[in-house]
Amino acid sequence: MENEEAIKLIKKTLDKIRPFLQRDGGDVSFDSYENGIVYINIHGACEGCALINNDIEEGIEVILMEECPGVVAVRLASDKAAVQEAMKKAGQE
């Protein structure tokens, strides 16, 4: 799947997830997609929530990995530099 097509599918899938977060006063937006990793931004009540990592790993990430071929992880956009540095050290980039 080409990157542009993958991004469209990722955004479409995030649109399906969004109402569940909005119900609790939060929201999610797409930032970027690189090396199989989807970077997202969290908004509203989700910002600073102690359970956001659970929501990302056990919810958003699972759904995106199931519905979007090539997605291997979901991370916060604010963590992008740290993830890329770790990948560089591991020789994966």
PDB file of N, CA and C in Angstrom:
ATOM      1  N   MET A   1       0.846  -1.177   0.000  1.00  0.00           N
ATOM      2  CA  MET A   1       0.000   0.000   0.000  1.00  0.00           C
ATOM      3  C   MET A   1       0.889   1.237   0.000  1.00  0.00           C
ATOM      4  N   GLU A   2       0.613   2.158  -0.904  1.00  0.00           N
ATOM      5  CA  GLU A   2       1.417   3.370  -0.972  1.00  0.00           C
ATOM      6  C   GLU A   2       1.128   4.263   0.231  1.00  0.00           C
ATOM      7  N   ASN A   3       2.086   5.088   0.576  1.00  0.00           N
ATOM      8  CA  ASN A   3       1.978   5.926   1.767  1.00  0.00           C
ATOM      9  C   ASN A   3       0.732   6.812   1.740  1.00  0.00           C
ATOM     10  N   GLU A   4       0.434   7.416   0.577  1.00  0.00           N
ATOM     11  CA  GLU A   4      -0.726   8.306   0.474  1.00  0.00           C
ATOM     12  C   GLU A   4      -2.031   7.544   0.738  1.00  0.00           C
ATOM     13  N   GLU A   5      -2.135   6.345   0.193  1.00  0.00           N
ATOM     14  CA  GLU A   5      -3.316   5.508   0.424  1.00  0.00           C
ATOM     15  C   GLU A   5      -3.391   5.076   1.891  1.00  0.00           C
ATOM     16  N   ALA A   6      -2.245   4.738   2.462  1.00  0.00           N
ATOM     17  CA  ALA A   6      -2.203   4.332   3.866  1.00  0.00           C
ATOM     18  C   ALA A   6      -2.675   5.470   4.764  1.00  0.00           C
ATOM     19  N   ILE A   7      -2.241   6.681   4.477  1.00  0.00           N
ATOM     20  CA  ILE A   7      -2.630   7.838   5.282  1.00  0.00           C
ATOM     21  C   ILE A   7      -4.133   8.083   5.190  1.00  0.00           C
ATOM     22  N   LYS A   8      -4.701   7.940   3.997  1.00  0.00           N
ATOM     23  CA  LYS A   8      -6.158   8.103   3.848  1.00  0.00           C
ATOM     24  C   LYS A   8      -6.901   7.080   4.697  1.00  0.00           C
ATOM     25  N   LEU A   9      -6.441   5.831   4.681  1.00  0.00           N
ATOM     26  CA  LEU A   9      -7.085   4.785   5.464  1.00  0.00           C
ATOM     27  C   LEU A   9      -6.918   5.037   6.959  1.00  0.00           C
ATOM     28  N   ILE A  10      -5.753   5.488   7.361  1.00  0.00           N
ATOM     29  CA  ILE A  10      -5.500   5.810   8.775  1.00  0.00           C
ATOM     30  C   ILE A  10      -6.443   6.916   9.233  1.00  0.00           C
ATOM     31  N   LYS A  11      -6.557   7.979   8.435  1.00  0.00           N
ATOM     32  CA  LYS A  11      -7.442   9.097   8.796  1.00  0.00           C
ATOM     33  C   LYS A  11      -8.895   8.645   8.859  1.00  0.00           C
ATOM     34  N   LYS A  12      -9.306   7.810   7.920  1.00  0.00           N
ATOM     35  CA  LYS A  12     -10.674   7.297   7.907  1.00  0.00           C
ATOM     36  C   LYS A  12     -10.944   6.461   9.166  1.00  0.00           C
ATOM     37  N   THR A  13      -9.968   5.664   9.556  1.00  0.00           N
ATOM     38  CA  THR A  13     -10.115   4.837  10.753  1.00  0.00           C
ATOM     39  C   THR A  13     -10.137   5.704  12.009  1.00  0.00           C
ATOM     40  N   LEU A  14      -9.300   6.729  12.062  1.00  0.00           N
ATOM     41  CA  LEU A  14      -9.332   7.651  13.205  1.00  0.00           C
ATOM     42  C   LEU A  14     -10.688   8.344  13.307  1.00  0.00           C
ATOM     43  N   ASP A  15     -11.313   8.629  12.152  1.00  0.00           N
ATOM     44  CA  ASP A  15     -12.638   9.244  12.157  1.00  0.00           C
ATOM     45  C   ASP A  15     -13.669   8.318  12.802  1.00  0.00           C
ATOM     46  N   LYS A  16     -13.474   6.999  12.660  1.00  0.00           N
ATOM     47  CA  LYS A  16     -14.387   6.040  13.297  1.00  0.00           C
ATOM     48  C   LYS A  16     -14.160   5.985  14.810  1.00  0.00           C
ATOM     49  N   ILE A  17     -12.923   6.186  15.240  1.00  0.00           N
ATOM     50  CA  ILE A  17     -12.568   6.126  16.656  1.00  0.00           C
ATOM     51  C   ILE A  17     -12.954   7.410  17.389  1.00  0.00           C
ATOM     52  N   ARG A  18     -12.869   8.523  16.683  1.00  0.00           N
ATOM     53  CA  ARG A  18     -13.052   9.862  17.265  1.00  0.00           C
ATOM     54  C   ARG A  18     -14.305  10.001  18.138  1.00  0.00           C
ATOM     55  N   PRO A  19     -15.492   9.543  17.721  1.00  0.00           N
ATOM     56  CA  PRO A  19     -16.691   9.746  18.555  1.00  0.00           C
ATOM     57  C   PRO A  19     -16.585   9.145  19.956  1.00  0.00           C
ATOM     58  N   PHE A  20     -15.846   8.062  20.100  1.00  0.00           N
ATOM     59  CA  PHE A  20     -15.690   7.440  21.421  1.00  0.00           C
ATOM     60  C   PHE A  20     -14.871   8.324  22.340  1.00  0.00           C
ATOM     61  N   LEU A  21     -13.868   9.000  21.802  1.00  0.00           N
ATOM     62  CA  LEU A  21     -13.068   9.922  22.609  1.00  0.00           C
ATOM     63  C   LEU A  21     -13.849  11.201  22.883  1.00  0.00           C
ATOM     64  N   GLN A  22     -14.597  11.664  21.889  1.00  0.00           N
ATOM     65  CA  GLN A  22     -15.370  12.893  22.055  1.00  0.00           C
ATOM     66  C   GLN A  22     -16.464  12.735  23.105  1.00  0.00           C
ATOM     67  N   ARG A  23     -16.968  11.528  23.256  1.00  0.00           N
ATOM     68  CA  ARG A  23     -17.989  11.255  24.268  1.00  0.00           C
ATOM     69  C   ARG A  23     -17.471  11.583  25.672  1.00  0.00           C
ATOM     70  N   ASP A  24     -16.162  11.439  25.866  1.00  0.00           N
ATOM     71  CA  ASP A  24     -15.546  11.728  27.163  1.00  0.00           C
ATOM     72  C   ASP A  24     -14.863  13.092  27.186  1.00  0.00           C
ATOM     73  N   GLY A  25     -15.132  13.923  26.172  1.00  0.00           N
ATOM     74  CA  GLY A  25     -14.578  15.277  26.141  1.00  0.00           C
ATOM     75  C   GLY A  25     -13.210  15.383  25.502  1.00  0.00           C
ATOM     76  N   GLY A  26     -12.748  14.325  24.855  1.00  0.00           N
ATOM     77  CA  GLY A  26     -11.433  14.349  24.214  1.00  0.00           C
ATOM     78  C   GLY A  26     -11.531  14.296  22.705  1.00  0.00           C
ATOM     79  N   ASP A  27     -10.392  14.175  22.065  1.00  0.00           N
ATOM     80  CA  ASP A  27     -10.348  14.049  20.607  1.00  0.00           C
ATOM     81  C   ASP A  27      -8.961  13.582  20.201  1.00  0.00           C
ATOM     82  N   VAL A  28      -8.845  13.163  18.955  1.00  0.00           N
ATOM     83  CA  VAL A  28      -7.585  12.697  18.400  1.00  0.00           C
ATOM     84  C   VAL A  28      -7.441  13.271  17.006  1.00  0.00           C
ATOM     85  N   SER A  29      -6.213  13.602  16.616  1.00  0.00           N
ATOM     86  CA  SER A  29      -5.965  14.054  15.246  1.00  0.00           C
ATOM     87  C   SER A  29      -4.683  13.410  14.731  1.00  0.00           C
ATOM     88  N   PHE A  30      -4.642  13.199  13.435  1.00  0.00           N
ATOM     89  CA  PHE A  30      -3.499  12.603  12.754  1.00  0.00           C
ATOM     90  C   PHE A  30      -2.384  13.626  12.656  1.00  0.00           C
ATOM     91  N   ASP A  31      -1.160  13.197  12.905  1.00  0.00           N
ATOM     92  CA  ASP A  31       0.018  14.059  12.731  1.00  0.00           C
ATOM     93  C   ASP A  31       0.826  13.584  11.535  1.00  0.00           C
ATOM     94  N   SER A  32       1.276  12.314  11.572  1.00  0.00           N
ATOM     95  CA  SER A  32       2.095  11.797  10.476  1.00  0.00           C
ATOM     96  C   SER A  32       2.161  10.276  10.541  1.00  0.00           C
ATOM     97  N   TYR A  33       2.727   9.703   9.479  1.00  0.00           N
ATOM     98  CA  TYR A  33       2.894   8.252   9.384  1.00  0.00           C
ATOM     99  C   TYR A  33       4.278   7.995   8.803  1.00  0.00           C
ATOM    100  N   GLU A  34       5.142   7.379   9.609  1.00  0.00           N
ATOM    101  CA  GLU A  34       6.525   7.136   9.190  1.00  0.00           C
ATOM    102  C   GLU A  34       6.993   5.775   9.686  1.00  0.00           C
ATOM    103  N   ASN A  35       7.582   4.996   8.809  1.00  0.00           N
ATOM    104  CA  ASN A  35       8.153   3.692   9.174  1.00  0.00           C
ATOM    105  C   ASN A  35       7.161   2.795   9.911  1.00  0.00           C
ATOM    106  N   GLY A  36       5.894   2.828   9.498  1.00  0.00           N
ATOM    107  CA  GLY A  36       4.882   1.982  10.113  1.00  0.00           C
ATOM    108  C   GLY A  36       4.296   2.533  11.402  1.00  0.00           C
ATOM    109  N   ILE A  37       4.781   3.679  11.834  1.00  0.00           N
ATOM    110  CA  ILE A  37       4.307   4.279  13.083  1.00  0.00           C
ATOM    111  C   ILE A  37       3.384   5.455  12.776  1.00  0.00           C
ATOM    112  N   VAL A  38       2.197   5.430  13.375  1.00  0.00           N
ATOM    113  CA  VAL A  38       1.250   6.533  13.249  1.00  0.00           C
ATOM    114  C   VAL A  38       1.468   7.455  14.440  1.00  0.00           C
ATOM    115  N   TYR A  39       1.680   8.740  14.144  1.00  0.00           N
ATOM    116  CA  TYR A  39       1.835   9.738  15.198  1.00  0.00           C
ATOM    117  C   TYR A  39       0.542  10.538  15.276  1.00  0.00           C
ATOM    118  N   ILE A  40       0.011  10.655  16.486  1.00  0.00           N
ATOM    119  CA  ILE A  40      -1.255  11.346  16.697  1.00  0.00           C
ATOM    120  C   ILE A  40      -1.098  12.443  17.738  1.00  0.00           C
ATOM    121  N   ASN A  41      -2.066  13.362  17.724  1.00  0.00           N
ATOM    122  CA  ASN A  41      -2.184  14.381  18.755  1.00  0.00           C
ATOM    123  C   ASN A  41      -3.475  14.116  19.509  1.00  0.00           C
ATOM    124  N   ILE A  42      -3.429  14.319  20.793  1.00  0.00           N
ATOM    125  CA  ILE A  42      -4.583  14.127  21.662  1.00  0.00           C
ATOM    126  C   ILE A  42      -5.038  15.504  22.137  1.00  0.00           C
ATOM    127  N   HIS A  43      -6.358  15.692  22.185  1.00  0.00           N
ATOM    128  CA  HIS A  43      -6.906  17.009  22.527  1.00  0.00           C
ATOM    129  C   HIS A  43      -7.963  16.886  23.622  1.00  0.00           C
ATOM    130  N   GLY A  44      -8.331  18.031  24.167  1.00  0.00           N
ATOM    131  CA  GLY A  44      -9.418  18.100  25.141  1.00  0.00           C
ATOM    132  C   GLY A  44      -9.107  17.353  26.423  1.00  0.00           C
ATOM    133  N   ALA A  45     -10.122  16.666  26.941  1.00  0.00           N
ATOM    134  CA  ALA A  45      -9.995  15.963  28.217  1.00  0.00           C
ATOM    135  C   ALA A  45      -8.940  14.868  28.178  1.00  0.00           C
ATOM    136  N   CYS A  46      -8.573  14.407  26.979  1.00  0.00           N
ATOM    137  CA  CYS A  46      -7.574  13.339  26.864  1.00  0.00           C
ATOM    138  C   CYS A  46      -6.161  13.838  27.182  1.00  0.00           C
ATOM    139  N   GLU A  47      -5.936  15.139  26.994  1.00  0.00           N
ATOM    140  CA  GLU A  47      -4.611  15.695  27.284  1.00  0.00           C
ATOM    141  C   GLU A  47      -4.338  15.596  28.776  1.00  0.00           C
ATOM    142  N   GLY A  48      -3.231  14.993  29.117  1.00  0.00           N
ATOM    143  CA  GLY A  48      -2.856  14.885  30.520  1.00  0.00           C
ATOM    144  C   GLY A  48      -3.584  13.806  31.298  1.00  0.00           C
ATOM    145  N   CYS A  49      -4.455  13.073  30.635  1.00  0.00           N
ATOM    146  CA  CYS A  49      -5.195  12.000  31.316  1.00  0.00           C
ATOM    147  C   CYS A  49      -4.233  10.867  31.658  1.00  0.00           C
ATOM    148  N   ALA A  50      -4.354  10.348  32.866  1.00  0.00           N
ATOM    149  CA  ALA A  50      -3.467   9.267  33.314  1.00  0.00           C
ATOM    150  C   ALA A  50      -3.679   7.980  32.528  1.00  0.00           C
ATOM    151  N   LEU A  51      -4.821   7.820  31.885  1.00  0.00           N
ATOM    152  CA  LEU A  51      -5.136   6.592  31.158  1.00  0.00           C
ATOM    153  C   LEU A  51      -4.891   6.700  29.652  1.00  0.00           C
ATOM    154  N   ILE A  52      -4.344   7.815  29.180  1.00  0.00           N
ATOM    155  CA  ILE A  52      -4.211   8.001  27.739  1.00  0.00           C
ATOM    156  C   ILE A  52      -3.307   6.945  27.097  1.00  0.00           C
ATOM    157  N   ASN A  53      -2.258   6.537  27.777  1.00  0.00           N
ATOM    158  CA  ASN A  53      -1.401   5.494  27.196  1.00  0.00           C
ATOM    159  C   ASN A  53      -2.169   4.189  27.014  1.00  0.00           C
ATOM    160  N   ASN A  54      -3.043   3.858  27.958  1.00  0.00           N
ATOM    161  CA  ASN A  54      -3.891   2.670  27.813  1.00  0.00           C
ATOM    162  C   ASN A  54      -4.829   2.825  26.627  1.00  0.00           C
ATOM    163  N   ASP A  55      -5.435   4.006  26.496  1.00  0.00           N
ATOM    164  CA  ASP A  55      -6.347   4.248  25.376  1.00  0.00           C
ATOM    165  C   ASP A  55      -5.617   4.120  24.037  1.00  0.00           C
ATOM    166  N   ILE A  56      -4.393   4.621  23.998  1.00  0.00           N
ATOM    167  CA  ILE A  56      -3.618   4.540  22.755  1.00  0.00           C
ATOM    168  C   ILE A  56      -3.229   3.096  22.471  1.00  0.00           C
ATOM    169  N   GLU A  57      -2.607   2.427  23.429  1.00  0.00           N
ATOM    170  CA  GLU A  57      -2.070   1.081  23.204  1.00  0.00           C
ATOM    171  C   GLU A  57      -3.145   0.003  23.102  1.00  0.00           C
ATOM    172  N   GLU A  58      -4.175   0.103  23.911  1.00  0.00           N
ATOM    173  CA  GLU A  58      -5.193  -0.952  23.945  1.00  0.00           C
ATOM    174  C   GLU A  58      -6.423  -0.627  23.107  1.00  0.00           C
ATOM    175  N   GLY A  59      -6.475   0.577  22.576  1.00  0.00           N
ATOM    176  CA  GLY A  59      -7.627   0.987  21.775  1.00  0.00           C
ATOM    177  C   GLY A  59      -7.214   1.441  20.392  1.00  0.00           C
ATOM    178  N   ILE A  60      -6.708   2.641  20.307  1.00  0.00           N
ATOM    179  CA  ILE A  60      -6.372   3.245  19.018  1.00  0.00           C
ATOM    180  C   ILE A  60      -5.368   2.393  18.252  1.00  0.00           C
ATOM    181  N   GLU A  61      -4.301   1.965  18.915  1.00  0.00           N
ATOM    182  CA  GLU A  61      -3.259   1.181  18.245  1.00  0.00           C
ATOM    183  C   GLU A  61      -3.810  -0.156  17.736  1.00  0.00           C
ATOM    184  N   VAL A  62      -4.568  -0.853  18.564  1.00  0.00           N
ATOM    185  CA  VAL A  62      -5.120  -2.152  18.174  1.00  0.00           C
ATOM    186  C   VAL A  62      -6.021  -2.001  16.949  1.00  0.00           C
ATOM    187  N   ILE A  63      -6.879  -1.004  16.968  1.00  0.00           N
ATOM    188  CA  ILE A  63      -7.813  -0.797  15.850  1.00  0.00           C
ATOM    189  C   ILE A  63      -7.047  -0.433  14.575  1.00  0.00           C
ATOM    190  N   LEU A  64      -6.091   0.486  14.670  1.00  0.00           N
ATOM    191  CA  LEU A  64      -5.333   0.881  13.478  1.00  0.00           C
ATOM    192  C   LEU A  64      -4.516  -0.284  12.920  1.00  0.00           C
ATOM    193  N   MET A  65      -3.932  -1.098  13.796  1.00  0.00           N
ATOM    194  CA  MET A  65      -3.149  -2.242  13.323  1.00  0.00           C
ATOM    195  C   MET A  65      -4.043  -3.271  12.631  1.00  0.00           C
ATOM    196  N   GLU A  66      -5.274  -3.420  13.099  1.00  0.00           N
ATOM    197  CA  GLU A  66      -6.200  -4.372  12.490  1.00  0.00           C
ATOM    198  C   GLU A  66      -6.735  -3.872  11.153  1.00  0.00           C
ATOM    199  N   GLU A  67      -7.003  -2.583  11.058  1.00  0.00           N
ATOM    200  CA  GLU A  67      -7.680  -2.046   9.883  1.00  0.00           C
ATOM    201  C   GLU A  67      -6.751  -1.430   8.839  1.00  0.00           C
ATOM    202  N   CYS A  68      -5.518  -1.170   9.202  1.00  0.00           N
ATOM    203  CA  CYS A  68      -4.603  -0.472   8.295  1.00  0.00           C
ATOM    204  C   CYS A  68      -3.321  -1.279   8.121  1.00  0.00           C
ATOM    205  N   PRO A  69      -3.199  -2.008   7.008  1.00  0.00           N
ATOM    206  CA  PRO A  69      -1.986  -2.791   6.768  1.00  0.00           C
ATOM    207  C   PRO A  69      -0.736  -1.912   6.829  1.00  0.00           C
ATOM    208  N   GLY A  70       0.290  -2.411   7.480  1.00  0.00           N
ATOM    209  CA  GLY A  70       1.551  -1.678   7.576  1.00  0.00           C
ATOM    210  C   GLY A  70       1.736  -0.912   8.868  1.00  0.00           C
ATOM    211  N   VAL A  71       0.647  -0.654   9.583  1.00  0.00           N
ATOM    212  CA  VAL A  71       0.760   0.056  10.858  1.00  0.00           C
ATOM    213  C   VAL A  71       1.294  -0.919  11.903  1.00  0.00           C
ATOM    214  N   VAL A  72       2.387  -0.528  12.551  1.00  0.00           N
ATOM    215  CA  VAL A  72       2.996  -1.384  13.571  1.00  0.00           C
ATOM    216  C   VAL A  72       2.928  -0.777  14.972  1.00  0.00           C
ATOM    217  N   ALA A  73       2.611   0.526  15.049  1.00  0.00           N
ATOM    218  CA  ALA A  73       2.540   1.183  16.357  1.00  0.00           C
ATOM    219  C   ALA A  73       1.851   2.529  16.209  1.00  0.00           C
ATOM    220  N   VAL A  74       1.379   3.043  17.333  1.00  0.00           N
ATOM    221  CA  VAL A  74       0.803   4.390  17.409  1.00  0.00           C
ATOM    222  C   VAL A  74       1.481   5.093  18.570  1.00  0.00           C
ATOM    223  N   ARG A  75       1.956   6.288  18.319  1.00  0.00           N
ATOM    224  CA  ARG A  75       2.641   7.062  19.351  1.00  0.00           C
ATOM    225  C   ARG A  75       2.168   8.509  19.301  1.00  0.00           C
ATOM    226  N   LEU A  76       2.325   9.206  20.405  1.00  0.00           N
ATOM    227  CA  LEU A  76       2.016  10.632  20.447  1.00  0.00           C
ATOM    228  C   LEU A  76       3.019  11.403  19.598  1.00  0.00           C
ATOM    229  N   ALA A  77       2.541  12.407  18.895  1.00  0.00           N
ATOM    230  CA  ALA A  77       3.425  13.223  18.060  1.00  0.00           C
ATOM    231  C   ALA A  77       4.510  13.883  18.906  1.00  0.00           C
ATOM    232  N   SER A  78       4.187  14.188  20.141  1.00  0.00           N
ATOM    233  CA  SER A  78       5.167  14.822  21.029  1.00  0.00           C
ATOM    234  C   SER A  78       6.330  13.887  21.349  1.00  0.00           C
ATOM    235  N   ASP A  79       6.155  12.584  21.118  1.00  0.00           N
ATOM    236  CA  ASP A  79       7.211  11.599  21.368  1.00  0.00           C
ATOM    237  C   ASP A  79       7.997  11.242  20.109  1.00  0.00           C
ATOM    238  N   LYS A  80       7.684  11.882  18.973  1.00  0.00           N
ATOM    239  CA  LYS A  80       8.278  11.507  17.688  1.00  0.00           C
ATOM    240  C   LYS A  80       9.802  11.568  17.709  1.00  0.00           C
ATOM    241  N   ALA A  81      10.370  12.631  18.230  1.00  0.00           N
ATOM    242  CA  ALA A  81      11.829  12.767  18.246  1.00  0.00           C
ATOM    243  C   ALA A  81      12.479  11.649  19.048  1.00  0.00           C
ATOM    244  N   ALA A  82      11.892  11.310  20.183  1.00  0.00           N
ATOM    245  CA  ALA A  82      12.448  10.242  21.024  1.00  0.00           C
ATOM    246  C   ALA A  82      12.345   8.887  20.329  1.00  0.00           C
ATOM    247  N   VAL A  83      11.220   8.635  19.653  1.00  0.00           N
ATOM    248  CA  VAL A  83      11.042   7.372  18.935  1.00  0.00           C
ATOM    249  C   VAL A  83      12.052   7.274  17.791  1.00  0.00           C
ATOM    250  N   GLN A  84      12.214   8.341  17.041  1.00  0.00           N
ATOM    251  CA  GLN A  84      13.157   8.335  15.921  1.00  0.00           C
ATOM    252  C   GLN A  84      14.593   8.158  16.402  1.00  0.00           C
ATOM    253  N   GLU A  85      14.948   8.753  17.516  1.00  0.00           N
ATOM    254  CA  GLU A  85      16.294   8.605  18.075  1.00  0.00           C
ATOM    255  C   GLU A  85      16.525   7.156  18.505  1.00  0.00           C
ATOM    256  N   ALA A  86      15.531   6.556  19.141  1.00  0.00           N
ATOM    257  CA  ALA A  86      15.648   5.164  19.570  1.00  0.00           C
ATOM    258  C   ALA A  86      15.805   4.240  18.371  1.00  0.00           C
ATOM    259  N   MET A  87      15.062   4.528  17.300  1.00  0.00           N
ATOM    260  CA  MET A  87      15.154   3.718  16.077  1.00  0.00           C
ATOM    261  C   MET A  87      16.532   3.858  15.449  1.00  0.00           C
ATOM    262  N   LYS A  88      17.063   5.079  15.484  1.00  0.00           N
ATOM    263  CA  LYS A  88      18.385   5.333  14.912  1.00  0.00           C
ATOM    264  C   LYS A  88      19.453   4.547  15.680  1.00  0.00           C
ATOM    265  N   LYS A  89      19.340   4.564  17.004  1.00  0.00           N
ATOM    266  CA  LYS A  89      20.288   3.825  17.835  1.00  0.00           C
ATOM    267  C   LYS A  89      20.192   2.324  17.607  1.00  0.00           C
ATOM    268  N   ALA A  90      18.988   1.870  17.309  1.00  0.00           N
ATOM    269  CA  ALA A  90      18.775   0.440  17.069  1.00  0.00           C
ATOM    270  C   ALA A  90      19.093   0.046  15.618  1.00  0.00           C
ATOM    271  N   GLY A  91      19.447   1.055  14.818  1.00  0.00           N
ATOM    272  CA  GLY A  91      19.785   0.793  13.422  1.00  0.00           C
ATOM    273  C   GLY A  91      18.597   0.467  12.540  1.00  0.00           C
ATOM    274  N   GLN A  92      17.429   0.952  12.914  1.00  0.00           N
ATOM    275  CA  GLN A  92      16.216   0.652  12.165  1.00  0.00           C
ATOM    276  C   GLN A  92      15.808   1.773  11.234  1.00  0.00           C
ATOM    277  N   GLU A  93      16.492   2.870  11.201  1.00  0.00           N
ATOM    278  CA  GLU A  93      16.093   3.961  10.328  1.00  0.00           C
ATOM    279  C   GLU A  93      17.142   4.223   9.293  1.00  0.00           C
TER     280      GLU A  93
END
